[in-house]
Amino acid sequence: MDSAEFYKTRLRAKGQVTLPSEVRELLSVNEGDDLVFRTNEEGQVIIERARIIPPDQAWFWTERWQRMEREAQADIEAGRVSHYANVDEAIFDLETLDNAGDRID
């Protein structure tokens, strides 16, 4: 048998339960946070903290944008970045690359 930990709670009126403090800590939830309940293929109930993304920030969490974020972070960590003293230097470098036939996408 695995070494999973177990926590007990009691079902109350109107279907209410109190999440044990250990579970609240694992989920990083506090009073007022939303939770999502789902079932998996084995019929187990999974409880997750609902992460609500404001509509005006949803673009950031698209798979495409997250992929670009990972690529940018890899470039930073590998030192594949340039530093400029001002915007004019950056634009000059971009124009030089463009005039040399390098594609800027």
C-alpha atoms as a PDB file:
ATOM      1  CA  MET A   1       0.000   0.000   0.000  1.00  0.00           C
ATOM      2  CA  ASP A   2       1.263   3.537  -0.741  1.00  0.00           C
ATOM      3  CA  SER A   3       2.139   6.112   1.891  1.00  0.00           C
ATOM      4  CA  ALA A   4      -0.741   8.484   1.089  1.00  0.00           C
ATOM      5  CA  GLU A   5      -2.048  10.621   3.902  1.00  0.00           C
ATOM      6  CA  PHE A   6      -5.720  10.622   4.821  1.00  0.00           C
ATOM      7  CA  TYR A   7      -7.843  13.366   6.346  1.00  0.00           C
ATOM      8  CA  LYS A   8     -11.332  12.988   7.791  1.00  0.00           C
ATOM      9  CA  THR A   9     -14.183  15.456   7.661  1.00  0.00           C
ATOM     10  CA  ARG A  10     -17.933  15.193   8.133  1.00  0.00           C
ATOM     11  CA  LEU A  11     -20.715  16.048   5.709  1.00  0.00           C
ATOM     12  CA  ARG A  12     -22.991  18.668   7.254  1.00  0.00           C
ATOM     13  CA  ALA A  13     -26.389  20.118   6.466  1.00  0.00           C
ATOM     14  CA  LYS A  14     -26.835  21.372   2.916  1.00  0.00           C
ATOM     15  CA  GLY A  15     -23.900  19.230   1.744  1.00  0.00           C
ATOM     16  CA  GLN A  16     -21.270  21.359   3.454  1.00  0.00           C
ATOM     17  CA  VAL A  17     -17.859  20.034   4.463  1.00  0.00           C
ATOM     18  CA  THR A  18     -14.910  21.653   6.206  1.00  0.00           C
ATOM     19  CA  LEU A  19     -11.637  21.048   4.416  1.00  0.00           C
ATOM     20  CA  PRO A  20      -8.953  19.999   6.885  1.00  0.00           C
ATOM     21  CA  SER A  21      -6.232  22.631   7.307  1.00  0.00           C
ATOM     22  CA  GLU A  22      -3.675  20.288   5.708  1.00  0.00           C
ATOM     23  CA  VAL A  23      -5.803  20.084   2.548  1.00  0.00           C
ATOM     24  CA  ARG A  24      -6.361  23.856   2.487  1.00  0.00           C
ATOM     25  CA  GLU A  25      -2.600  24.294   2.746  1.00  0.00           C
ATOM     26  CA  LEU A  26      -1.936  21.789  -0.062  1.00  0.00           C
ATOM     27  CA  LEU A  27      -4.415  23.616  -2.299  1.00  0.00           C
ATOM     28  CA  SER A  28      -3.149  27.059  -1.206  1.00  0.00           C
ATOM     29  CA  VAL A  29      -6.726  28.205  -0.594  1.00  0.00           C
ATOM     30  CA  ASN A  30      -8.288  30.621   1.827  1.00  0.00           C
ATOM     31  CA  GLU A  31     -11.804  31.669   2.735  1.00  0.00           C
ATOM     32  CA  GLY A  32     -13.595  32.980  -0.336  1.00  0.00           C
ATOM     33  CA  ASP A  33     -11.456  31.094  -2.880  1.00  0.00           C
ATOM     34  CA  ASP A  34     -13.288  29.037  -5.502  1.00  0.00           C
ATOM     35  CA  LEU A  35     -12.726  25.294  -5.827  1.00  0.00           C
ATOM     36  CA  VAL A  36     -13.341  22.995  -8.795  1.00  0.00           C
ATOM     37  CA  PHE A  37     -14.480  19.389  -8.327  1.00  0.00           C
ATOM     38  CA  ARG A  38     -14.015  16.890 -11.161  1.00  0.00           C
ATOM     39  CA  THR A  39     -13.829  13.144 -11.541  1.00  0.00           C
ATOM     40  CA  ASN A  40     -11.144  11.110 -13.258  1.00  0.00           C
ATOM     41  CA  GLU A  41     -11.399   7.855 -15.214  1.00  0.00           C
ATOM     42  CA  GLU A  42     -11.306   5.799 -11.996  1.00  0.00           C
ATOM     43  CA  GLY A  43     -14.258   7.704 -10.552  1.00  0.00           C
ATOM     44  CA  GLN A  44     -12.119   9.547  -7.996  1.00  0.00           C
ATOM     45  CA  VAL A  45     -13.093  13.096  -7.136  1.00  0.00           C
ATOM     46  CA  ILE A  46     -10.337  15.636  -7.708  1.00  0.00           C
ATOM     47  CA  ILE A  47     -10.453  19.003  -5.924  1.00  0.00           C
ATOM     48  CA  GLU A  48      -8.472  21.895  -7.395  1.00  0.00           C
ATOM     49  CA  ARG A  49      -8.243  25.566  -6.705  1.00  0.00           C
ATOM     50  CA  ALA A  50     -10.078  27.491  -9.422  1.00  0.00           C
ATOM     51  CA  ARG A  51      -7.731  29.916 -11.110  1.00  0.00           C
ATOM     52  CA  ILE A  52      -9.854  32.679 -12.529  1.00  0.00           C
ATOM     53  CA  ILE A  53      -8.151  34.601 -15.328  1.00  0.00           C
ATOM     54  CA  PRO A  54      -9.462  38.097 -16.036  1.00  0.00           C
ATOM     55  CA  PRO A  55     -10.742  38.207 -19.642  1.00  0.00           C
ATOM     56  CA  ASP A  56      -8.357  41.019 -20.571  1.00  0.00           C
ATOM     57  CA  GLN A  57      -5.398  38.811 -19.582  1.00  0.00           C
ATOM     58  CA  ALA A  58      -6.525  35.523 -21.156  1.00  0.00           C
ATOM     59  CA  TRP A  59      -4.193  35.999 -24.156  1.00  0.00           C
ATOM     60  CA  PHE A  60      -1.193  35.546 -21.864  1.00  0.00           C
ATOM     61  CA  TRP A  61      -2.293  32.029 -20.906  1.00  0.00           C
ATOM     62  CA  THR A  62      -2.832  30.711 -24.437  1.00  0.00           C
ATOM     63  CA  GLU A  63      -0.563  27.799 -25.400  1.00  0.00           C
ATOM     64  CA  ARG A  64       1.023  29.916 -28.166  1.00  0.00           C
ATOM     65  CA  TRP A  65       1.937  32.746 -25.809  1.00  0.00           C
ATOM     66  CA  GLN A  66       3.216  30.385 -23.111  1.00  0.00           C
ATOM     67  CA  ARG A  67       5.407  28.651 -25.721  1.00  0.00           C
ATOM     68  CA  MET A  68       6.847  32.034 -26.724  1.00  0.00           C
ATOM     69  CA  GLU A  69       7.458  32.845 -23.037  1.00  0.00           C
ATOM     70  CA  ARG A  70       9.393  29.574 -22.623  1.00  0.00           C
ATOM     71  CA  GLU A  71      11.436  30.292 -25.766  1.00  0.00           C
ATOM     72  CA  ALA A  72      12.244  33.819 -24.571  1.00  0.00           C
ATOM     73  CA  GLN A  73      13.297  32.521 -21.148  1.00  0.00           C
ATOM     74  CA  ALA A  74      15.558  29.917 -22.803  1.00  0.00           C
ATOM     75  CA  ASP A  75      17.168  32.677 -24.896  1.00  0.00           C
ATOM     76  CA  ILE A  76      17.751  34.794 -21.783  1.00  0.00           C
ATOM     77  CA  GLU A  77      19.273  31.873 -19.871  1.00  0.00           C
ATOM     78  CA  ALA A  78      21.530  30.979 -22.843  1.00  0.00           C
ATOM     79  CA  GLY A  79      22.720  34.566 -23.200  1.00  0.00           C
ATOM     80  CA  ARG A  80      21.122  35.021 -26.625  1.00  0.00           C
ATOM     81  CA  VAL A  81      20.071  38.588 -25.872  1.00  0.00           C
ATOM     82  CA  SER A  82      21.286  42.044 -26.825  1.00  0.00           C
ATOM     83  CA  HIS A  83      21.393  45.108 -24.616  1.00  0.00           C
ATOM     84  CA  TYR A  84      20.995  48.615 -25.965  1.00  0.00           C
ATOM     85  CA  ALA A  85      21.596  52.006 -24.425  1.00  0.00           C
ATOM     86  CA  ASN A  86      18.477  53.405 -26.090  1.00  0.00           C
ATOM     87  CA  VAL A  87      15.684  52.703 -28.558  1.00  0.00           C
ATOM     88  CA  ASP A  88      17.582  54.190 -31.491  1.00  0.00           C
ATOM     89  CA  GLU A  89      20.380  51.620 -31.089  1.00  0.00           C
ATOM     90  CA  ALA A  90      17.854  48.785 -30.969  1.00  0.00           C
ATOM     91  CA  ILE A  91      16.050  49.990 -34.100  1.00  0.00           C
ATOM     92  CA  PHE A  92      19.349  50.452 -35.940  1.00  0.00           C
ATOM     93  CA  ASP A  93      20.343  46.862 -35.074  1.00  0.00           C
ATOM     94  CA  LEU A  94      16.968  45.525 -36.250  1.00  0.00           C
ATOM     95  CA  GLU A  95      17.207  47.453 -39.507  1.00  0.00           C
ATOM     96  CA  THR A  96      20.755  46.166 -40.029  1.00  0.00           C
ATOM     97  CA  LEU A  97      19.551  42.592 -39.574  1.00  0.00           C
ATOM     98  CA  ASP A  98      16.641  43.195 -41.936  1.00  0.00           C
ATOM     99  CA  ASN A  99      18.878  44.749 -44.598  1.00  0.00           C
ATOM    100  CA  ALA A 100      21.281  41.798 -44.311  1.00  0.00           C
ATOM    101  CA  GLY A 101      18.449  39.504 -45.378  1.00  0.00           C
ATOM    102  CA  ASP A 102      17.812  37.978 -41.957  1.00  0.00           C
ATOM    103  CA  ARG A 103      14.139  37.450 -41.265  1.00  0.00           C
ATOM    104  CA  ILE A 104      12.606  39.042 -38.226  1.00  0.00           C
ATOM    105  CA  ASP A 105       9.379  37.291 -37.274  1.00  0.00           C
END
